[in-house]
PDB file of N, CA and C in Angstrom:
ATOM      1  N   UNK A   1       8.206 -72.559  88.532  1.00  0.00           N
ATOM      2  CA  UNK A   1       9.259 -72.246  89.453  1.00  0.00           C
ATOM      3  C   UNK A   1      10.603 -72.208  88.765  1.00  0.00           C
ATOM      4  N   UNK A   2      11.603 -72.212  89.564  1.00  0.00           N
ATOM      5  CA  UNK A   2      12.970 -72.145  89.069  1.00  0.00           C
ATOM      6  C   UNK A   2      13.674 -73.487  89.096  1.00  0.00           C
ATOM      7  N   UNK A   3      12.922 -74.574  89.279  1.00  0.00           N
ATOM      8  CA  UNK A   3      13.532 -75.899  89.328  1.00  0.00           C
ATOM      9  C   UNK A   3      12.956 -76.783  88.232  1.00  0.00           C
ATOM     10  N   UNK A   4      13.849 -77.466  87.537  1.00  0.00           N
ATOM     11  CA  UNK A   4      13.464 -78.475  86.557  1.00  0.00           C
ATOM     12  C   UNK A   4      13.942 -79.816  87.083  1.00  0.00           C
ATOM     13  N   UNK A   5      13.099 -80.814  87.003  1.00  0.00           N
ATOM     14  CA  UNK A   5      13.488 -82.150  87.436  1.00  0.00           C
ATOM     15  C   UNK A   5      13.632 -82.995  86.180  1.00  0.00           C
ATOM     16  N   UNK A   6      14.868 -83.172  85.755  1.00  0.00           N
ATOM     17  CA  UNK A   6      15.156 -84.003  84.587  1.00  0.00           C
ATOM     18  C   UNK A   6      16.637 -84.335  84.560  1.00  0.00           C
ATOM     19  N   UNK A   7      16.927 -85.523  84.101  1.00  0.00           N
ATOM     20  CA  UNK A   7      18.316 -85.969  84.035  1.00  0.00           C
ATOM     21  C   UNK A   7      18.985 -85.428  82.773  1.00  0.00           C
ATOM     22  N   UNK A   8      20.301 -85.470  82.787  1.00  0.00           N
ATOM     23  CA  UNK A   8      21.046 -85.072  81.592  1.00  0.00           C
ATOM     24  C   UNK A   8      20.719 -86.007  80.438  1.00  0.00           C
ATOM     25  N   UNK A   9      20.489 -87.265  80.737  1.00  0.00           N
ATOM     26  CA  UNK A   9      20.126 -88.237  79.702  1.00  0.00           C
ATOM     27  C   UNK A   9      18.795 -87.860  79.055  1.00  0.00           C
ATOM     28  N   UNK A  10      17.824 -87.468  79.860  1.00  0.00           N
ATOM     29  CA  UNK A  10      16.524 -87.054  79.326  1.00  0.00           C
ATOM     30  C   UNK A  10      16.665 -85.805  78.461  1.00  0.00           C
ATOM     31  N   UNK A  11      17.422 -84.829  78.935  1.00  0.00           N
ATOM     32  CA  UNK A  11      17.636 -83.607  78.154  1.00  0.00           C
ATOM     33  C   UNK A  11      18.295 -83.951  76.823  1.00  0.00           C
ATOM     34  N   UNK A  12      19.312 -84.802  76.874  1.00  0.00           N
ATOM     35  CA  UNK A  12      20.011 -85.206  75.653  1.00  0.00           C
ATOM     36  C   UNK A  12      19.053 -85.887  74.677  1.00  0.00           C
ATOM     37  N   UNK A  13      18.218 -86.766  75.182  1.00  0.00           N
ATOM     38  CA  UNK A  13      17.255 -87.454  74.316  1.00  0.00           C
ATOM     39  C   UNK A  13      16.249 -86.482  73.714  1.00  0.00           C
ATOM     40  N   UNK A  14      15.776 -85.529  74.501  1.00  0.00           N
ATOM     41  CA  UNK A  14      14.805 -84.552  74.004  1.00  0.00           C
ATOM     42  C   UNK A  14      15.412 -83.676  72.915  1.00  0.00           C
ATOM     43  N   UNK A  15      16.698 -83.365  73.059  1.00  0.00           N
ATOM     44  CA  UNK A  15      17.361 -82.476  72.106  1.00  0.00           C
ATOM     45  C   UNK A  15      18.051 -83.214  70.966  1.00  0.00           C
ATOM     46  N   UNK A  16      18.153 -84.523  71.093  1.00  0.00           N
ATOM     47  CA  UNK A  16      18.825 -85.298  70.056  1.00  0.00           C
ATOM     48  C   UNK A  16      20.325 -85.089  70.033  1.00  0.00           C
ATOM     49  N   UNK A  17      20.903 -84.927  71.221  1.00  0.00           N
ATOM     50  CA  UNK A  17      22.350 -84.724  71.333  1.00  0.00           C
ATOM     51  C   UNK A  17      22.921 -85.753  72.299  1.00  0.00           C
ATOM     52  N   UNK A  18      24.243 -85.806  72.373  1.00  0.00           N
ATOM     53  CA  UNK A  18      24.892 -86.733  73.300  1.00  0.00           C
ATOM     54  C   UNK A  18      24.830 -86.185  74.720  1.00  0.00           C
ATOM     55  N   UNK A  19      24.727 -87.079  75.692  1.00  0.00           N
ATOM     56  CA  UNK A  19      24.671 -86.673  77.093  1.00  0.00           C
ATOM     57  C   UNK A  19      25.899 -85.862  77.489  1.00  0.00           C
ATOM     58  N   UNK A  20      27.041 -86.198  76.912  1.00  0.00           N
ATOM     59  CA  UNK A  20      28.269 -85.472  77.236  1.00  0.00           C
ATOM     60  C   UNK A  20      28.165 -83.990  76.875  1.00  0.00           C
ATOM     61  N   UNK A  21      27.449 -83.694  75.797  1.00  0.00           N
ATOM     62  CA  UNK A  21      27.238 -82.297  75.411  1.00  0.00           C
ATOM     63  C   UNK A  21      26.387 -81.555  76.425  1.00  0.00           C
ATOM     64  N   UNK A  22      25.394 -82.234  76.952  1.00  0.00           N
ATOM     65  CA  UNK A  22      24.541 -81.644  77.988  1.00  0.00           C
ATOM     66  C   UNK A  22      25.359 -81.419  79.255  1.00  0.00           C
ATOM     67  N   UNK A  23      26.184 -82.395  79.602  1.00  0.00           N
ATOM     68  CA  UNK A  23      27.040 -82.271  80.784  1.00  0.00           C
ATOM     69  C   UNK A  23      27.964 -81.069  80.646  1.00  0.00           C
ATOM     70  N   UNK A  24      28.586 -80.936  79.497  1.00  0.00           N
ATOM     71  CA  UNK A  24      29.508 -79.816  79.260  1.00  0.00           C
ATOM     72  C   UNK A  24      28.783 -78.472  79.369  1.00  0.00           C
ATOM     73  N   UNK A  25      27.611 -78.383  78.764  1.00  0.00           N
ATOM     74  CA  UNK A  25      26.839 -77.140  78.815  1.00  0.00           C
ATOM     75  C   UNK A  25      26.407 -76.832  80.247  1.00  0.00           C
ATOM     76  N   UNK A  26      25.945 -77.851  80.970  1.00  0.00           N
ATOM     77  CA  UNK A  26      25.502 -77.652  82.354  1.00  0.00           C
ATOM     78  C   UNK A  26      26.661 -77.190  83.232  1.00  0.00           C
ATOM     79  N   UNK A  27      27.831 -77.766  83.025  1.00  0.00           N
ATOM     80  CA  UNK A  27      29.001 -77.363  83.814  1.00  0.00           C
ATOM     81  C   UNK A  27      29.386 -75.912  83.533  1.00  0.00           C
ATOM     82  N   UNK A  28      29.320 -75.508  82.269  1.00  0.00           N
ATOM     83  CA  UNK A  28      29.626 -74.112  81.917  1.00  0.00           C
ATOM     84  C   UNK A  28      28.635 -73.155  82.577  1.00  0.00           C
ATOM     85  N   UNK A  29      27.363 -73.501  82.502  1.00  0.00           N
ATOM     86  CA  UNK A  29      26.334 -72.633  83.082  1.00  0.00           C
ATOM     87  C   UNK A  29      26.436 -72.593  84.603  1.00  0.00           C
ATOM     88  N   UNK A  30      26.791 -73.719  85.194  1.00  0.00           N
ATOM     89  CA  UNK A  30      26.957 -73.765  86.646  1.00  0.00           C
ATOM     90  C   UNK A  30      28.186 -72.958  87.069  1.00  0.00           C
ATOM     91  N   UNK A  31      29.276 -73.082  86.334  1.00  0.00           N
ATOM     92  CA  UNK A  31      30.492 -72.328  86.648  1.00  0.00           C
ATOM     93  C   UNK A  31      30.260 -70.820  86.547  1.00  0.00           C
ATOM     94  N   UNK A  32      29.358 -70.430  85.657  1.00  0.00           N
ATOM     95  CA  UNK A  32      29.035 -69.010  85.487  1.00  0.00           C
ATOM     96  C   UNK A  32      28.045 -68.515  86.539  1.00  0.00           C
ATOM     97  N   UNK A  33      27.566 -69.428  87.393  1.00  0.00           N
ATOM     98  CA  UNK A  33      26.628 -69.037  88.439  1.00  0.00           C
ATOM     99  C   UNK A  33      25.202 -68.843  87.956  1.00  0.00           C
ATOM    100  N   UNK A  34      24.886 -69.416  86.794  1.00  0.00           N
ATOM    101  CA  UNK A  34      23.556 -69.231  86.221  1.00  0.00           C
ATOM    102  C   UNK A  34      22.579 -70.320  86.637  1.00  0.00           C
ATOM    103  N   UNK A  35      23.101 -71.527  86.846  1.00  0.00           N
ATOM    104  CA  UNK A  35      22.272 -72.647  87.291  1.00  0.00           C
ATOM    105  C   UNK A  35      23.019 -73.413  88.371  1.00  0.00           C
ATOM    106  N   UNK A  36      22.279 -74.252  89.064  1.00  0.00           N
ATOM    107  CA  UNK A  36      22.887 -75.263  89.934  1.00  0.00           C
ATOM    108  C   UNK A  36      22.294 -76.581  89.478  1.00  0.00           C
ATOM    109  N   UNK A  37      23.157 -77.562  89.240  1.00  0.00           N
ATOM    110  CA  UNK A  37      22.705 -78.848  88.732  1.00  0.00           C
ATOM    111  C   UNK A  37      23.183 -79.941  89.661  1.00  0.00           C
ATOM    112  N   UNK A  38      22.269 -80.788  90.100  1.00  0.00           N
ATOM    113  CA  UNK A  38      22.646 -81.910  90.956  1.00  0.00           C
ATOM    114  C   UNK A  38      21.616 -83.021  90.837  1.00  0.00           C
ATOM    115  N   UNK A  39      22.073 -84.209  90.488  1.00  0.00           N
ATOM    116  CA  UNK A  39      21.257 -85.430  90.482  1.00  0.00           C
ATOM    117  C   UNK A  39      19.854 -85.260  89.905  1.00  0.00           C
ATOM    118  N   UNK A  40      19.795 -84.816  88.677  1.00  0.00           N
ATOM    119  CA  UNK A  40      18.513 -84.727  88.000  1.00  0.00           C
ATOM    120  C   UNK A  40      17.678 -83.510  88.346  1.00  0.00           C
ATOM    121  N   UNK A  41      18.264 -82.561  89.056  1.00  0.00           N
ATOM    122  CA  UNK A  41      17.572 -81.316  89.391  1.00  0.00           C
ATOM    123  C   UNK A  41      18.391 -80.144  88.860  1.00  0.00           C
ATOM    124  N   UNK A  42      17.720 -79.237  88.187  1.00  0.00           N
ATOM    125  CA  UNK A  42      18.366 -78.025  87.692  1.00  0.00           C
ATOM    126  C   UNK A  42      17.641 -76.844  88.319  1.00  0.00           C
ATOM    127  N   UNK A  43      18.388 -76.008  89.017  1.00  0.00           N
ATOM    128  CA  UNK A  43      17.826 -74.794  89.591  1.00  0.00           C
ATOM    129  C   UNK A  43      18.358 -73.609  88.802  1.00  0.00           C
ATOM    130  N   UNK A  44      17.470 -72.783  88.303  1.00  0.00           N
ATOM    131  CA  UNK A  44      17.869 -71.568  87.596  1.00  0.00           C
ATOM    132  C   UNK A  44      18.139 -70.505  88.653  1.00  0.00           C
ATOM    133  N   UNK A  45      19.379 -70.036  88.698  1.00  0.00           N
ATOM    134  CA  UNK A  45      19.787 -69.067  89.713  1.00  0.00           C
ATOM    135  C   UNK A  45      19.709 -67.627  89.218  1.00  0.00           C
ATOM    136  N   UNK A  46      19.929 -67.431  87.928  1.00  0.00           N
ATOM    137  CA  UNK A  46      19.947 -66.074  87.371  1.00  0.00           C
ATOM    138  C   UNK A  46      19.359 -66.109  85.962  1.00  0.00           C
ATOM    139  N   UNK A  47      18.039 -66.081  85.886  1.00  0.00           N
ATOM    140  CA  UNK A  47      17.371 -66.216  84.589  1.00  0.00           C
ATOM    141  C   UNK A  47      17.732 -65.102  83.604  1.00  0.00           C
ATOM    142  N   UNK A  48      17.761 -63.832  84.022  1.00  0.00           N
ATOM    143  CA  UNK A  48      18.115 -62.789  83.043  1.00  0.00           C
ATOM    144  C   UNK A  48      19.488 -63.026  82.401  1.00  0.00           C
ATOM    145  N   UNK A  49      20.476 -63.372  83.198  1.00  0.00           N
ATOM    146  CA  UNK A  49      21.808 -63.641  82.635  1.00  0.00           C
ATOM    147  C   UNK A  49      21.808 -64.923  81.813  1.00  0.00           C
ATOM    148  N   UNK A  50      21.023 -65.903  82.226  1.00  0.00           N
ATOM    149  CA  UNK A  50      20.925 -67.149  81.466  1.00  0.00           C
ATOM    150  C   UNK A  50      20.333 -66.875  80.085  1.00  0.00           C
ATOM    151  N   UNK A  51      19.298 -66.051  80.021  1.00  0.00           N
ATOM    152  CA  UNK A  51      18.686 -65.710  78.736  1.00  0.00           C
ATOM    153  C   UNK A  51      19.667 -64.983  77.825  1.00  0.00           C
ATOM    154  N   UNK A  52      20.547 -64.183  78.400  1.00  0.00           N
ATOM    155  CA  UNK A  52      21.552 -63.486  77.589  1.00  0.00           C
ATOM    156  C   UNK A  52      22.545 -64.452  76.949  1.00  0.00           C
ATOM    157  N   UNK A  53      22.715 -65.626  77.539  1.00  0.00           N
ATOM    158  CA  UNK A  53      23.675 -66.613  77.028  1.00  0.00           C
ATOM    159  C   UNK A  53      23.085 -67.531  75.961  1.00  0.00           C
ATOM    160  N   UNK A  54      21.799 -67.416  75.694  1.00  0.00           N
ATOM    161  CA  UNK A  54      21.173 -68.303  74.715  1.00  0.00           C
ATOM    162  C   UNK A  54      21.302 -67.734  73.311  1.00  0.00           C
ATOM    163  N   UNK A  55      21.110 -68.602  72.337  1.00  0.00           N
ATOM    164  CA  UNK A  55      21.138 -68.141  70.950  1.00  0.00           C
ATOM    165  C   UNK A  55      19.762 -67.586  70.576  1.00  0.00           C
ATOM    166  N   UNK A  56      19.650 -67.102  69.360  1.00  0.00           N
ATOM    167  CA  UNK A  56      18.395 -66.496  68.909  1.00  0.00           C
ATOM    168  C   UNK A  56      17.236 -67.481  68.895  1.00  0.00           C
ATOM    169  N   UNK A  57      17.520 -68.775  68.871  1.00  0.00           N
ATOM    170  CA  UNK A  57      16.430 -69.757  68.850  1.00  0.00           C
ATOM    171  C   UNK A  57      15.569 -69.658  70.105  1.00  0.00           C
ATOM    172  N   UNK A  58      16.167 -69.309  71.235  1.00  0.00           N
ATOM    173  CA  UNK A  58      15.386 -69.186  72.467  1.00  0.00           C
ATOM    174  C   UNK A  58      14.351 -68.073  72.331  1.00  0.00           C
ATOM    175  N   UNK A  59      14.757 -66.942  71.793  1.00  0.00           N
ATOM    176  CA  UNK A  59      13.827 -65.816  71.655  1.00  0.00           C
ATOM    177  C   UNK A  59      12.680 -66.156  70.712  1.00  0.00           C
ATOM    178  N   UNK A  60      12.970 -66.896  69.657  1.00  0.00           N
ATOM    179  CA  UNK A  60      11.928 -67.302  68.705  1.00  0.00           C
ATOM    180  C   UNK A  60      10.922 -68.221  69.396  1.00  0.00           C
ATOM    181  N   UNK A  61      11.423 -69.211  70.117  1.00  0.00           N
ATOM    182  CA  UNK A  61      10.546 -70.151  70.816  1.00  0.00           C
ATOM    183  C   UNK A  61       9.756 -69.428  71.903  1.00  0.00           C
ATOM    184  N   UNK A  62      10.404 -68.554  72.651  1.00  0.00           N
ATOM    185  CA  UNK A  62       9.726 -67.822  73.727  1.00  0.00           C
ATOM    186  C   UNK A  62       8.616 -66.931  73.170  1.00  0.00           C
ATOM    187  N   UNK A  63       8.880 -66.248  72.070  1.00  0.00           N
ATOM    188  CA  UNK A  63       7.863 -65.379  71.472  1.00  0.00           C
ATOM    189  C   UNK A  63       6.643 -66.193  71.036  1.00  0.00           C
ATOM    190  N   UNK A  64       6.879 -67.346  70.446  1.00  0.00           N
ATOM    191  CA  UNK A  64       5.769 -68.197  70.007  1.00  0.00           C
ATOM    192  C   UNK A  64       5.012 -68.764  71.209  1.00  0.00           C
ATOM    193  N   UNK A  65       5.739 -69.163  72.222  1.00  0.00           N
ATOM    194  CA  UNK A  65       5.131 -69.664  73.458  1.00  0.00           C
ATOM    195  C   UNK A  65       4.236 -68.590  74.075  1.00  0.00           C
ATOM    196  N   UNK A  66       4.763 -67.370  74.171  1.00  0.00           N
ATOM    197  CA  UNK A  66       3.995 -66.263  74.746  1.00  0.00           C
ATOM    198  C   UNK A  66       2.768 -65.928  73.887  1.00  0.00           C
ATOM    199  N   UNK A  67       2.905 -66.058  72.583  1.00  0.00           N
ATOM    200  CA  UNK A  67       1.787 -65.778  71.687  1.00  0.00           C
ATOM    201  C   UNK A  67       0.679 -66.817  71.858  1.00  0.00           C
ATOM    202  N   UNK A  68       1.082 -68.078  71.954  1.00  0.00           N
ATOM    203  CA  UNK A  68       0.101 -69.155  72.039  1.00  0.00           C
ATOM    204  C   UNK A  68      -0.495 -69.316  73.434  1.00  0.00           C
ATOM    205  N   UNK A  69       0.275 -68.998  74.451  1.00  0.00           N
ATOM    206  CA  UNK A  69      -0.184 -69.133  75.834  1.00  0.00           C
ATOM    207  C   UNK A  69      -0.022 -67.799  76.553  1.00  0.00           C
ATOM    208  N   UNK A  70      -0.961 -66.894  76.340  1.00  0.00           N
ATOM    209  CA  UNK A  70      -0.862 -65.579  76.984  1.00  0.00           C
ATOM    210  C   UNK A  70      -0.820 -65.700  78.503  1.00  0.00           C
ATOM    211  N   UNK A  71      -0.286 -64.680  79.126  1.00  0.00           N
ATOM    212  CA  UNK A  71      -0.216 -64.660  80.590  1.00  0.00           C
ATOM    213  C   UNK A  71      -1.610 -64.862  81.166  1.00  0.00           C
ATOM    214  N   UNK A  72      -1.662 -65.555  82.277  1.00  0.00           N
ATOM    215  CA  UNK A  72      -2.937 -65.797  82.927  1.00  0.00           C
ATOM    216  C   UNK A  72      -3.507 -67.175  82.653  1.00  0.00           C
ATOM    217  N   UNK A  73      -2.963 -67.870  81.657  1.00  0.00           N
ATOM    218  CA  UNK A  73      -3.425 -69.233  81.390  1.00  0.00           C
ATOM    219  C   UNK A  73      -2.585 -70.178  82.230  1.00  0.00           C
ATOM    220  N   UNK A  74      -3.234 -70.923  83.083  1.00  0.00           N
ATOM    221  CA  UNK A  74      -2.521 -71.848  83.963  1.00  0.00           C
ATOM    222  C   UNK A  74      -2.137 -73.104  83.195  1.00  0.00           C
ATOM    223  N   UNK A  75      -0.915 -73.547  83.413  1.00  0.00           N
ATOM    224  CA  UNK A  75      -0.431 -74.785  82.818  1.00  0.00           C
ATOM    225  C   UNK A  75      -0.381 -75.865  83.886  1.00  0.00           C
ATOM    226  N   UNK A  76      -0.481 -77.123  83.492  1.00  0.00           N
ATOM    227  CA  UNK A  76      -0.306 -78.197  84.476  1.00  0.00           C
ATOM    228  C   UNK A  76       1.061 -78.072  85.139  1.00  0.00           C
ATOM    229  N   UNK A  77       1.159 -78.480  86.381  1.00  0.00           N
ATOM    230  CA  UNK A  77       2.405 -78.309  87.132  1.00  0.00           C
ATOM    231  C   UNK A  77       3.549 -79.141  86.585  1.00  0.00           C
ATOM    232  N   UNK A  78       3.264 -80.159  85.772  1.00  0.00           N
ATOM    233  CA  UNK A  78       4.340 -80.998  85.255  1.00  0.00           C
ATOM    234  C   UNK A  78       4.868 -80.526  83.905  1.00  0.00           C
ATOM    235  N   UNK A  79       4.412 -79.375  83.413  1.00  0.00           N
ATOM    236  CA  UNK A  79       4.880 -78.853  82.131  1.00  0.00           C
ATOM    237  C   UNK A  79       6.045 -77.905  82.383  1.00  0.00           C
ATOM    238  N   UNK A  80       7.137 -78.131  81.681  1.00  0.00           N
ATOM    239  CA  UNK A  80       8.323 -77.278  81.789  1.00  0.00           C
ATOM    240  C   UNK A  80       8.712 -76.812  80.401  1.00  0.00           C
ATOM    241  N   UNK A  81       9.314 -75.633  80.319  1.00  0.00           N
ATOM    242  CA  UNK A  81       9.834 -75.204  79.032  1.00  0.00           C
ATOM    243  C   UNK A  81      11.094 -75.991  78.739  1.00  0.00           C
ATOM    244  N   UNK A  82      11.355 -76.215  77.484  1.00  0.00           N
ATOM    245  CA  UNK A  82      12.522 -76.988  77.091  1.00  0.00           C
ATOM    246  C   UNK A  82      13.779 -76.139  77.180  1.00  0.00           C
ATOM    247  N   UNK A  83      14.869 -76.731  77.604  1.00  0.00           N
ATOM    248  CA  UNK A  83      16.125 -75.993  77.627  1.00  0.00           C
ATOM    249  C   UNK A  83      16.642 -75.777  76.217  1.00  0.00           C
ATOM    250  N   UNK A  84      17.486 -74.794  76.067  1.00  0.00           N
ATOM    251  CA  UNK A  84      18.122 -74.565  74.776  1.00  0.00           C
ATOM    252  C   UNK A  84      19.066 -75.718  74.479  1.00  0.00           C
ATOM    253  N   UNK A  85      19.289 -75.955  73.219  1.00  0.00           N
ATOM    254  CA  UNK A  85      20.230 -76.986  72.812  1.00  0.00           C
ATOM    255  C   UNK A  85      21.614 -76.650  73.352  1.00  0.00           C
ATOM    256  N   UNK A  86      22.381 -77.647  73.799  1.00  0.00           N
ATOM    257  CA  UNK A  86      23.733 -77.364  74.290  1.00  0.00           C
ATOM    258  C   UNK A  86      24.582 -76.602  73.280  1.00  0.00           C
ATOM    259  N   UNK A  87      24.305 -76.764  72.002  1.00  0.00           N
ATOM    260  CA  UNK A  87      25.080 -76.037  70.999  1.00  0.00           C
ATOM    261  C   UNK A  87      24.761 -74.552  71.013  1.00  0.00           C
ATOM    262  N   UNK A  88      23.659 -74.172  71.668  1.00  0.00           N
ATOM    263  CA  UNK A  88      23.275 -72.764  71.749  1.00  0.00           C
ATOM    264  C   UNK A  88      23.888 -72.068  72.959  1.00  0.00           C
ATOM    265  N   UNK A  89      24.472 -72.817  73.870  1.00  0.00           N
ATOM    266  CA  UNK A  89      25.031 -72.228  75.089  1.00  0.00           C
ATOM    267  C   UNK A  89      26.343 -71.543  74.759  1.00  0.00           C
ATOM    268  N   UNK A  90      26.458 -70.312  75.197  1.00  0.00           N
ATOM    269  CA  UNK A  90      27.683 -69.542  74.936  1.00  0.00           C
ATOM    270  C   UNK A  90      28.497 -69.409  76.194  1.00  0.00           C
TER     271      UNK A  90
END
């Protein structure tokens, strides 16, 4: 779906960055109308525009993900793709 359930602290820990960096990135993306973030929930509002704001690392990871898990393979409902590093947000 378009909702991720994770705190900024969890995202920061997964990416190895400070929570403040995640907060700053989330605020920028929310101000641009790409996501809505509230109390540990992130809703992706405009995925195509969000993908345009990512760095090349997203495309590399996505291509590998698509290669390893072709369409039609069901994933457990608790598996989410990882967000881009806050340093990749433009």
